[in-house]
N, C-alpha and C. Protein backbone atom coordinates (compact mmCIF):
# COMPACT_ATOMS: atom_id res chain seq x y z
N UNK A 1 0.82 -1.20 0.00
CA UNK A 1 0.00 0.00 0.00
C UNK A 1 0.86 1.25 0.00
N UNK A 2 1.96 1.19 0.75
CA UNK A 2 2.86 2.34 0.83
C UNK A 2 3.38 2.72 -0.54
N UNK A 3 3.90 1.74 -1.28
CA UNK A 3 4.46 2.02 -2.61
C UNK A 3 3.37 2.51 -3.57
N UNK A 4 2.19 1.95 -3.45
CA UNK A 4 1.07 2.36 -4.28
C UNK A 4 0.70 3.82 -4.01
N UNK A 5 0.64 4.19 -2.76
CA UNK A 5 0.26 5.55 -2.39
C UNK A 5 1.32 6.56 -2.80
N UNK A 6 2.59 6.16 -2.73
CA UNK A 6 3.66 7.08 -3.14
C UNK A 6 3.69 7.22 -4.65
N UNK A 7 3.50 6.11 -5.34
CA UNK A 7 3.55 6.12 -6.80
C UNK A 7 2.31 6.78 -7.40
N UNK A 8 1.16 6.60 -6.76
CA UNK A 8 -0.09 7.18 -7.25
C UNK A 8 -0.69 8.07 -6.16
N UNK A 9 -0.28 9.34 -6.12
CA UNK A 9 -0.70 10.23 -5.03
C UNK A 9 -2.21 10.41 -4.93
N UNK A 10 -2.95 10.13 -6.00
CA UNK A 10 -4.40 10.30 -5.95
C UNK A 10 -5.06 9.33 -4.98
N UNK A 11 -4.45 8.17 -4.76
CA UNK A 11 -5.03 7.18 -3.85
C UNK A 11 -4.49 7.32 -2.43
N UNK A 12 -3.54 8.21 -2.24
CA UNK A 12 -2.90 8.36 -0.93
C UNK A 12 -3.91 8.71 0.15
N UNK A 13 -4.87 9.56 -0.17
CA UNK A 13 -5.87 9.95 0.82
C UNK A 13 -6.69 8.79 1.34
N UNK A 14 -7.03 7.87 0.46
CA UNK A 14 -7.79 6.70 0.87
C UNK A 14 -6.93 5.72 1.65
N UNK A 15 -5.74 5.47 1.15
CA UNK A 15 -4.86 4.49 1.77
C UNK A 15 -4.42 4.94 3.16
N UNK A 16 -4.09 6.20 3.30
CA UNK A 16 -3.57 6.66 4.59
C UNK A 16 -4.62 6.58 5.68
N UNK A 17 -5.87 6.85 5.34
CA UNK A 17 -6.92 6.76 6.35
C UNK A 17 -7.14 5.32 6.79
N UNK A 18 -6.97 4.38 5.90
CA UNK A 18 -7.08 2.97 6.27
C UNK A 18 -5.92 2.55 7.15
N UNK A 19 -4.73 2.97 6.79
CA UNK A 19 -3.55 2.59 7.56
C UNK A 19 -3.52 3.21 8.96
N UNK A 20 -4.10 4.37 9.10
CA UNK A 20 -4.05 5.05 10.39
C UNK A 20 -4.80 4.29 11.48
N UNK A 21 -5.65 3.36 11.09
CA UNK A 21 -6.31 2.50 12.08
C UNK A 21 -5.31 1.61 12.79
N UNK A 22 -4.14 1.40 12.19
CA UNK A 22 -3.11 0.55 12.78
C UNK A 22 -2.20 1.29 13.75
N UNK A 23 -2.42 2.58 13.97
CA UNK A 23 -1.60 3.33 14.93
C UNK A 23 -1.80 2.81 16.34
N UNK A 24 -2.96 2.24 16.61
CA UNK A 24 -3.24 1.71 17.94
C UNK A 24 -2.85 0.25 18.07
N UNK A 25 -2.21 -0.28 17.06
CA UNK A 25 -1.80 -1.69 17.06
C UNK A 25 -0.80 -1.93 18.20
N UNK A 26 -0.94 -3.07 18.84
CA UNK A 26 -0.02 -3.39 19.94
C UNK A 26 1.39 -3.70 19.45
N UNK A 27 1.52 -3.98 18.16
CA UNK A 27 2.84 -4.19 17.57
C UNK A 27 3.46 -2.83 17.28
N UNK A 28 4.46 -2.47 18.05
CA UNK A 28 5.10 -1.16 17.90
C UNK A 28 5.74 -0.99 16.53
N UNK A 29 6.25 -2.07 15.98
CA UNK A 29 6.93 -1.99 14.68
C UNK A 29 5.97 -1.59 13.57
N UNK A 30 4.80 -2.22 13.53
CA UNK A 30 3.84 -1.88 12.47
C UNK A 30 3.26 -0.48 12.68
N UNK A 31 3.00 -0.10 13.92
CA UNK A 31 2.49 1.24 14.19
C UNK A 31 3.54 2.29 13.83
N UNK A 32 4.81 1.99 14.08
CA UNK A 32 5.87 2.92 13.73
C UNK A 32 5.99 3.07 12.21
N UNK A 33 5.83 1.97 11.49
CA UNK A 33 5.83 2.04 10.02
C UNK A 33 4.70 2.94 9.53
N UNK A 34 3.55 2.84 10.14
CA UNK A 34 2.40 3.65 9.73
C UNK A 34 2.65 5.12 10.00
N UNK A 35 3.17 5.47 11.17
CA UNK A 35 3.38 6.88 11.50
C UNK A 35 4.47 7.50 10.63
N UNK A 36 5.47 6.71 10.27
CA UNK A 36 6.51 7.20 9.34
C UNK A 36 5.89 7.45 7.96
N UNK A 37 5.00 6.56 7.56
CA UNK A 37 4.29 6.74 6.29
C UNK A 37 3.41 7.99 6.33
N UNK A 38 2.74 8.20 7.45
CA UNK A 38 1.92 9.41 7.61
C UNK A 38 2.78 10.65 7.45
N UNK A 39 3.94 10.63 8.08
CA UNK A 39 4.85 11.78 7.97
C UNK A 39 5.27 12.01 6.52
N UNK A 40 5.57 10.94 5.81
CA UNK A 40 5.97 11.06 4.41
C UNK A 40 4.85 11.61 3.54
N UNK A 41 3.64 11.13 3.76
CA UNK A 41 2.50 11.61 2.98
C UNK A 41 2.25 13.09 3.25
N UNK A 42 2.37 13.50 4.50
CA UNK A 42 2.18 14.92 4.83
C UNK A 42 3.24 15.78 4.16
N UNK A 43 4.44 15.27 4.03
CA UNK A 43 5.51 16.04 3.39
C UNK A 43 5.31 16.15 1.89
N UNK A 44 4.71 15.13 1.29
CA UNK A 44 4.60 15.11 -0.18
C UNK A 44 3.24 15.54 -0.71
N UNK A 45 2.20 15.56 0.14
CA UNK A 45 0.85 15.90 -0.32
C UNK A 45 0.23 16.98 0.57
N UNK A 46 0.54 18.24 0.31
CA UNK A 46 0.01 19.32 1.15
C UNK A 46 -1.51 19.39 1.20
N UNK A 47 -2.18 18.94 0.15
CA UNK A 47 -3.65 19.04 0.16
C UNK A 47 -4.30 18.07 1.14
N UNK A 48 -3.53 17.12 1.66
CA UNK A 48 -4.07 16.16 2.63
C UNK A 48 -3.83 16.57 4.08
N UNK A 49 -3.17 17.70 4.28
CA UNK A 49 -2.81 18.12 5.65
C UNK A 49 -4.00 18.12 6.60
N UNK A 50 -5.05 18.80 6.23
CA UNK A 50 -6.17 18.97 7.16
C UNK A 50 -6.80 17.64 7.55
N UNK A 51 -7.11 16.80 6.57
CA UNK A 51 -7.80 15.55 6.89
C UNK A 51 -6.90 14.56 7.62
N UNK A 52 -5.64 14.49 7.24
CA UNK A 52 -4.73 13.55 7.89
C UNK A 52 -4.43 13.99 9.32
N UNK A 53 -4.21 15.28 9.54
CA UNK A 53 -3.95 15.77 10.89
C UNK A 53 -5.17 15.59 11.79
N UNK A 54 -6.34 15.80 11.23
CA UNK A 54 -7.56 15.58 12.02
C UNK A 54 -7.70 14.11 12.40
N UNK A 55 -7.43 13.23 11.46
CA UNK A 55 -7.52 11.79 11.74
C UNK A 55 -6.45 11.36 12.75
N UNK A 56 -5.26 11.94 12.63
CA UNK A 56 -4.19 11.63 13.58
C UNK A 56 -4.59 12.07 14.99
N UNK A 57 -5.21 13.23 15.09
CA UNK A 57 -5.69 13.69 16.39
C UNK A 57 -6.75 12.73 16.95
N UNK A 58 -7.66 12.29 16.09
CA UNK A 58 -8.71 11.36 16.53
C UNK A 58 -8.13 10.05 17.05
N UNK A 59 -7.04 9.58 16.45
CA UNK A 59 -6.43 8.30 16.83
C UNK A 59 -5.35 8.45 17.90
N UNK A 60 -4.99 9.67 18.25
CA UNK A 60 -3.85 9.89 19.14
C UNK A 60 -4.02 9.22 20.49
N UNK A 61 -5.18 9.29 21.06
CA UNK A 61 -5.39 8.73 22.40
C UNK A 61 -5.29 7.21 22.44
N UNK A 62 -5.34 6.57 21.28
CA UNK A 62 -5.27 5.11 21.21
C UNK A 62 -3.86 4.59 20.94
N UNK A 63 -2.92 5.48 20.70
CA UNK A 63 -1.54 5.07 20.41
C UNK A 63 -0.93 4.46 21.66
N UNK A 64 -0.33 3.28 21.51
CA UNK A 64 0.22 2.56 22.65
C UNK A 64 1.75 2.63 22.75
N UNK A 65 2.41 2.93 21.66
CA UNK A 65 3.86 2.94 21.62
C UNK A 65 4.40 4.35 21.88
N UNK A 66 5.40 4.43 22.75
CA UNK A 66 6.01 5.72 23.06
C UNK A 66 6.68 6.33 21.83
N UNK A 67 7.35 5.52 21.03
CA UNK A 67 8.01 6.03 19.83
C UNK A 67 6.99 6.57 18.82
N UNK A 68 5.87 5.89 18.68
CA UNK A 68 4.82 6.35 17.77
C UNK A 68 4.21 7.64 18.30
N UNK A 69 4.00 7.70 19.60
CA UNK A 69 3.46 8.90 20.23
C UNK A 69 4.38 10.09 20.03
N UNK A 70 5.67 9.88 20.23
CA UNK A 70 6.61 11.00 20.06
C UNK A 70 6.68 11.45 18.61
N UNK A 71 6.57 10.52 17.69
CA UNK A 71 6.57 10.87 16.27
C UNK A 71 5.29 11.65 15.92
N UNK A 72 4.16 11.23 16.47
CA UNK A 72 2.90 11.94 16.23
C UNK A 72 2.97 13.36 16.79
N UNK A 73 3.54 13.52 17.97
CA UNK A 73 3.69 14.86 18.53
C UNK A 73 4.63 15.71 17.68
N UNK A 74 5.67 15.09 17.13
CA UNK A 74 6.57 15.82 16.23
C UNK A 74 5.79 16.29 15.00
N UNK A 75 4.95 15.42 14.46
CA UNK A 75 4.15 15.79 13.29
C UNK A 75 3.25 16.97 13.61
N UNK A 76 2.57 16.92 14.76
CA UNK A 76 1.72 18.05 15.14
C UNK A 76 2.56 19.32 15.29
N UNK A 77 3.72 19.21 15.90
CA UNK A 77 4.59 20.37 16.05
C UNK A 77 5.09 20.92 14.73
N UNK A 78 5.39 20.03 13.81
CA UNK A 78 5.89 20.43 12.49
C UNK A 78 4.83 21.17 11.68
N UNK A 79 3.59 20.75 11.81
CA UNK A 79 2.52 21.33 11.01
C UNK A 79 1.62 22.26 11.81
N UNK A 80 2.10 22.73 12.95
CA UNK A 80 1.31 23.59 13.80
C UNK A 80 0.96 24.91 13.12
N UNK A 81 1.79 25.37 12.20
CA UNK A 81 1.52 26.64 11.52
C UNK A 81 0.73 26.45 10.23
N UNK A 82 0.35 25.22 9.91
CA UNK A 82 -0.43 24.97 8.69
C UNK A 82 -1.83 25.55 8.81
N UNK A 83 -2.44 25.32 9.94
CA UNK A 83 -3.77 25.89 10.16
C UNK A 83 -3.98 26.09 11.66
N UNK A 84 -4.92 26.93 12.00
CA UNK A 84 -5.18 27.28 13.38
C UNK A 84 -5.64 26.07 14.18
N UNK A 85 -6.45 25.20 13.57
CA UNK A 85 -6.98 24.06 14.31
C UNK A 85 -5.86 23.13 14.75
N UNK A 86 -4.81 22.99 13.96
CA UNK A 86 -3.67 22.15 14.35
C UNK A 86 -2.97 22.76 15.55
N UNK A 87 -2.87 24.07 15.59
CA UNK A 87 -2.24 24.75 16.73
C UNK A 87 -3.02 24.48 18.01
N UNK A 88 -4.32 24.60 17.95
CA UNK A 88 -5.16 24.36 19.13
C UNK A 88 -5.06 22.91 19.57
N UNK A 89 -5.13 22.00 18.61
CA UNK A 89 -5.04 20.56 18.91
C UNK A 89 -3.70 20.24 19.55
N UNK A 90 -2.64 20.79 18.99
CA UNK A 90 -1.30 20.54 19.52
C UNK A 90 -1.19 21.02 20.96
N UNK A 91 -1.67 22.20 21.23
CA UNK A 91 -1.61 22.72 22.59
C UNK A 91 -2.42 21.86 23.55
N UNK A 92 -3.59 21.41 23.12
CA UNK A 92 -4.41 20.52 23.96
C UNK A 92 -3.65 19.25 24.29
N UNK A 93 -3.03 18.66 23.27
CA UNK A 93 -2.29 17.41 23.49
C UNK A 93 -1.12 17.59 24.44
N UNK A 94 -0.39 18.67 24.28
CA UNK A 94 0.76 18.92 25.14
C UNK A 94 0.31 19.10 26.58
N UNK A 95 -0.73 19.87 26.79
CA UNK A 95 -1.20 20.10 28.15
C UNK A 95 -1.74 18.81 28.79
N UNK A 96 -2.49 18.03 28.02
CA UNK A 96 -3.02 16.78 28.55
C UNK A 96 -1.89 15.79 28.84
N UNK A 97 -0.91 15.73 27.95
CA UNK A 97 0.22 14.81 28.16
C UNK A 97 1.01 15.15 29.41
N UNK A 98 1.05 16.41 29.77
CA UNK A 98 1.78 16.80 30.96
C UNK A 98 0.87 16.90 32.19
N UNK A 99 -0.34 16.35 32.06
CA UNK A 99 -1.22 16.23 33.20
C UNK A 99 -2.02 17.47 33.53
N UNK A 100 -2.04 18.42 32.66
CA UNK A 100 -2.81 19.62 32.93
C UNK A 100 -3.97 19.68 31.94
N UNK A 101 -5.12 19.24 32.38
CA UNK A 101 -6.28 19.24 31.49
C UNK A 101 -7.44 20.06 32.08
N UNK A 102 -7.10 21.09 32.83
CA UNK A 102 -8.12 21.91 33.45
C UNK A 102 -8.65 22.99 32.53
N UNK A 103 -8.11 23.09 31.31
CA UNK A 103 -8.57 24.08 30.36
C UNK A 103 -7.92 25.43 30.50
N UNK A 104 -7.10 25.61 31.52
CA UNK A 104 -6.41 26.89 31.73
C UNK A 104 -5.02 26.77 31.13
N UNK A 105 -4.73 27.54 30.11
CA UNK A 105 -3.47 27.38 29.38
C UNK A 105 -2.52 28.55 29.58
N UNK A 106 -2.85 29.45 30.45
CA UNK A 106 -1.99 30.62 30.62
C UNK A 106 -1.23 30.51 31.92
């Protein structure tokens, strides 16, 4: 699927959403492969930024691997200036990850 999505960017949007279901996989190796693929698709297909980042946020709480989680946070940090919603999502994730979920960010 990875080679197909890279070779044919038109199908990347469909393939990546299917693969992102594996981010919560208990196998860290397969989940890491998926998050690396997500990063590559985001770098090569700017028109998919909004939908992929939204889906990544939806799946973030189910990620079980620390390496996958850190890569997902890097992705959010890298694309934080792409749109305002990514900035808000990123800040929410950082605050929740550090145990501060009271809604007060100042």
